[in-house]
Amino acid sequence: MPETDYLKIPQNRIGALIGSNGGVKKSIEKATGTILDIDSDEGTVYITPGENMEDPLGVWNANHIVKAVARGFNPEVALKLVSDDYYLEVISLPLYIGKSKKALARHKGRIIGKDGKTREIIMEMAEVNMAIYGKTVSLIGEMDNIMVAKEAIEMILKGSRHKSVYGFLEHKKEDLKMKEFKDLVGIEDDKIEFKDGIEFDEKTLQ
């Protein structure tokens, strides 16, 4: 059985993790089959397997859900990580822009955009959830979608114009749609052959 895991979370996210009357904590425990022991004074969360934990990845899943809440996600969004199809990606902004507080504020502002426009466009076009908290930008979604959103964020951090980022997202959205279609019908290459023998090569349309 998996051993106990633990992680530190910001003090001001402990309330979100516990929830009203302990509701969030109970939901995470139920979804993962684990037990959460939260040390509010130290900001440490201990995760142990419950007696009826069926999924061997229960502790691992609980760790990522707790981490997602700690990074600013709504608990309902964080619970998506119970699914094998969803992943958490945490982007550390200082790795890209250094430790300057002014640079941090400026780049976070560019990622959010005026009235939250840029953040919303990235989320919508890449089909991910995003949380901006402290010195991190975090993403929850399917892996291909996360990689698209992460690249868009990296473009912003490297100084790309918003217009260029939106164009990149539009192109990638079409690529994701085509990949989803090919996965659905079981196509592994770039050519689609119809019943009448006519071949459609997606590359010729790009």
Protein backbone atom coordinates (compact mmCIF):
# COMPACT_ATOMS: atom_id res chain seq x y z
CA MET A 1 0.00 0.00 0.00
CA PRO A 2 1.33 3.51 -0.85
CA GLU A 3 3.07 5.31 1.98
CA THR A 4 1.99 8.59 3.49
CA ASP A 5 2.74 11.66 1.37
CA TYR A 6 2.83 15.27 2.45
CA LEU A 7 3.21 18.76 1.05
CA LYS A 8 3.32 22.35 2.25
CA ILE A 9 0.69 24.82 1.10
CA PRO A 10 0.31 28.59 1.60
CA GLN A 11 -1.47 29.55 4.82
CA ASN A 12 -4.07 31.56 2.94
CA ARG A 13 -5.14 28.49 0.93
CA ILE A 14 -5.84 26.26 3.93
CA GLY A 15 -9.39 27.56 4.23
CA ALA A 16 -10.08 26.76 0.57
CA LEU A 17 -8.71 23.24 1.05
CA ILE A 18 -10.85 22.56 4.11
CA GLY A 19 -13.99 24.24 2.80
CA SER A 20 -17.21 25.09 4.60
CA ASN A 21 -17.77 22.56 7.40
CA GLY A 22 -14.86 20.55 5.99
CA GLY A 23 -16.74 19.91 2.74
CA VAL A 24 -13.81 20.25 0.34
CA LYS A 25 -11.54 18.06 2.47
CA LYS A 26 -14.24 15.38 2.61
CA SER A 27 -14.79 15.54 -1.16
CA ILE A 28 -11.09 15.01 -1.86
CA GLU A 29 -10.92 12.13 0.60
CA LYS A 30 -13.98 10.48 -0.93
CA ALA A 31 -12.78 10.95 -4.52
CA THR A 32 -9.31 9.53 -3.84
CA GLY A 33 -9.92 7.07 -1.01
CA THR A 34 -7.39 8.87 1.16
CA ILE A 35 -7.28 10.64 4.51
CA LEU A 36 -6.05 14.24 4.72
CA ASP A 37 -4.51 15.47 7.96
CA ILE A 38 -4.12 19.25 7.74
CA ASP A 39 -1.78 21.08 10.10
CA SER A 40 -3.17 24.61 9.85
CA ASP A 41 -0.35 26.11 11.92
CA GLU A 42 2.45 24.73 9.76
CA GLY A 43 0.57 24.66 6.45
CA THR A 44 1.41 20.98 6.01
CA VAL A 45 -1.00 18.45 4.54
CA TYR A 46 -0.39 14.75 5.25
CA ILE A 47 -2.02 12.25 2.89
CA THR A 48 -2.49 8.62 3.90
CA PRO A 49 -4.31 5.75 2.18
CA GLY A 50 -7.80 5.09 3.52
CA GLU A 51 -8.86 1.57 4.48
CA ASN A 52 -11.05 1.32 1.37
CA MET A 53 -8.74 3.00 -1.12
CA GLU A 54 -9.13 1.07 -4.39
CA ASP A 55 -6.98 3.12 -6.77
CA PRO A 56 -3.24 2.57 -6.17
CA LEU A 57 -2.75 6.14 -7.42
CA GLY A 58 -5.11 7.54 -4.78
CA VAL A 59 -2.38 9.20 -2.72
CA TRP A 60 -0.73 10.56 -5.87
CA ASN A 61 -4.05 11.95 -7.12
CA ALA A 62 -4.81 13.52 -3.74
CA ASN A 63 -1.37 15.16 -3.73
CA HIS A 64 -2.04 16.80 -7.09
CA ILE A 65 -5.54 17.91 -6.13
CA VAL A 66 -4.21 19.51 -2.94
CA LYS A 67 -1.40 21.13 -4.91
CA ALA A 68 -3.91 22.51 -7.42
CA VAL A 69 -5.99 24.08 -4.65
CA ALA A 70 -2.79 25.47 -3.14
CA ARG A 71 -1.93 27.06 -6.48
CA GLY A 72 -5.24 28.93 -6.61
CA PHE A 73 -7.70 26.60 -8.32
CA ASN A 74 -11.31 26.29 -7.27
CA PRO A 75 -11.63 22.89 -5.54
CA GLU A 76 -14.27 21.77 -8.06
CA VAL A 77 -11.78 22.33 -10.88
CA ALA A 78 -8.97 20.68 -8.92
CA LEU A 79 -11.08 17.53 -8.50
CA LYS A 80 -10.90 17.00 -12.28
CA LEU A 81 -7.45 15.56 -11.55
CA VAL A 82 -9.10 12.37 -10.32
CA SER A 83 -9.56 11.52 -14.01
CA ASP A 84 -6.65 9.85 -15.81
CA ASP A 85 -7.21 12.27 -18.70
CA TYR A 86 -6.42 15.41 -16.72
CA TYR A 87 -3.05 16.74 -15.61
CA LEU A 88 -1.65 19.60 -13.55
CA GLU A 89 1.15 21.80 -14.87
CA VAL A 90 2.71 24.45 -12.63
CA ILE A 91 4.79 27.10 -14.39
CA SER A 92 7.28 28.92 -12.16
CA LEU A 93 7.51 32.47 -13.49
CA PRO A 94 10.93 33.31 -11.94
CA LEU A 95 12.49 30.58 -14.10
CA TYR A 96 11.59 32.71 -17.13
CA ILE A 97 11.75 36.29 -15.89
CA GLY A 98 14.01 36.30 -12.82
CA LYS A 99 13.18 37.45 -9.32
CA SER A 100 12.29 41.09 -9.96
CA LYS A 101 8.94 41.98 -8.38
CA LYS A 102 8.31 44.58 -11.08
CA ALA A 103 8.94 42.05 -13.84
CA LEU A 104 6.69 39.53 -12.09
CA ALA A 105 3.82 42.01 -11.84
CA ARG A 106 4.27 43.13 -15.45
CA HIS A 107 4.32 39.63 -16.91
CA LYS A 108 1.41 38.45 -14.79
CA GLY A 109 -0.48 41.46 -16.08
CA ARG A 110 0.30 40.51 -19.69
CA ILE A 111 -0.87 36.93 -19.12
CA ILE A 112 -4.10 38.15 -17.54
CA GLY A 113 -4.63 40.90 -20.11
CA LYS A 114 -7.00 43.85 -19.96
CA ASP A 115 -10.12 42.88 -18.01
CA GLY A 116 -8.82 39.29 -18.01
CA LYS A 117 -9.12 39.00 -21.80
CA THR A 118 -5.83 37.22 -22.52
CA ARG A 119 -6.31 34.68 -19.75
CA GLU A 120 -9.82 33.91 -20.97
CA ILE A 121 -8.68 33.53 -24.59
CA ILE A 122 -5.93 31.07 -23.62
CA MET A 123 -8.36 29.05 -21.52
CA GLU A 124 -11.01 29.00 -24.24
CA MET A 125 -8.77 28.30 -27.22
CA ALA A 126 -6.62 25.67 -25.50
CA GLU A 127 -9.55 24.27 -23.50
CA VAL A 128 -7.77 24.36 -20.15
CA ASN A 129 -8.36 25.82 -16.71
CA MET A 130 -5.81 28.37 -15.49
CA ALA A 131 -4.94 29.77 -12.08
CA ILE A 132 -2.49 32.63 -11.51
CA TYR A 133 -1.26 32.70 -7.95
CA GLY A 134 1.87 34.12 -6.37
CA LYS A 135 4.83 33.41 -8.62
CA THR A 136 3.15 30.64 -10.62
CA VAL A 137 0.74 30.08 -13.47
CA SER A 138 -0.94 26.67 -13.25
CA LEU A 139 -2.93 24.71 -15.81
CA ILE A 140 -5.37 21.82 -15.59
CA GLY A 141 -6.48 19.95 -18.69
CA GLU A 142 -5.65 17.15 -21.09
CA MET A 143 -1.95 16.90 -21.88
CA ASP A 144 -2.07 18.12 -25.50
CA ASN A 145 -4.15 21.11 -24.47
CA ILE A 146 -1.84 21.95 -21.57
CA MET A 147 1.17 21.95 -23.90
CA VAL A 148 -0.57 24.43 -26.21
CA ALA A 149 -1.51 26.74 -23.33
CA LYS A 150 1.98 26.49 -21.84
CA GLU A 151 3.60 27.44 -25.15
CA ALA A 152 1.26 30.43 -25.46
CA ILE A 153 2.22 31.56 -21.94
CA GLU A 154 5.92 31.09 -22.74
CA MET A 155 5.47 33.25 -25.84
CA ILE A 156 4.04 36.03 -23.67
CA LEU A 157 6.88 35.68 -21.16
CA LYS A 158 9.39 35.99 -24.00
CA GLY A 159 7.81 39.22 -25.19
CA SER A 160 5.58 38.11 -28.08
CA ARG A 161 2.72 40.43 -28.99
CA HIS A 162 -0.73 39.32 -27.91
CA LYS A 163 -1.85 39.27 -31.55
CA SER A 164 0.86 36.71 -32.36
CA VAL A 165 -0.14 34.57 -29.38
CA TYR A 166 -3.80 34.60 -30.43
CA GLY A 167 -2.80 33.57 -33.96
CA PHE A 168 -0.75 30.70 -32.56
CA LEU A 169 -3.69 29.55 -30.44
CA GLU A 170 -6.07 29.68 -33.41
CA HIS A 171 -3.72 27.50 -35.45
CA LYS A 172 -3.19 25.03 -32.61
CA LYS A 173 -6.93 24.81 -31.97
CA GLU A 174 -7.43 23.58 -35.53
CA ASP A 175 -4.60 21.07 -35.05
CA LEU A 176 -6.22 19.76 -31.87
CA LYS A 177 -9.58 19.43 -33.61
CA MET A 178 -7.98 17.41 -36.41
CA LYS A 179 -6.11 15.20 -33.94
CA GLU A 180 -9.31 14.60 -31.98
CA PHE A 181 -11.11 13.61 -35.19
CA LYS A 182 -8.31 11.27 -36.27
CA ASP A 183 -8.20 9.66 -32.82
CA LEU A 184 -11.97 9.20 -32.95
CA VAL A 185 -11.92 7.36 -36.27
CA GLY A 186 -8.61 5.58 -35.68
CA ILE A 187 -6.40 7.32 -38.25
CA GLU A 188 -2.67 7.27 -37.55
CA ASP A 189 -1.22 9.21 -40.51
CA ASP A 190 -2.00 12.45 -42.33
CA LYS A 191 -4.14 10.93 -45.07
CA ILE A 192 -7.83 10.11 -44.91
CA GLU A 193 -9.17 7.77 -47.60
CA PHE A 194 -12.90 7.96 -48.30
CA LYS A 195 -15.06 5.12 -49.61
CA ASP A 196 -14.83 6.33 -53.21
CA GLY A 197 -11.04 6.08 -53.07
CA ILE A 198 -10.37 9.81 -52.95
CA GLU A 199 -7.59 10.71 -50.56
CA PHE A 200 -7.66 13.81 -48.41
CA ASP A 201 -4.28 15.04 -47.23
CA GLU A 202 -4.67 17.56 -44.41
CA LYS A 203 -1.23 19.02 -45.12
CA THR A 204 -2.37 20.33 -48.51
CA LEU A 205 -4.89 22.58 -46.76
CA GLN A 206 -2.41 24.23 -44.41
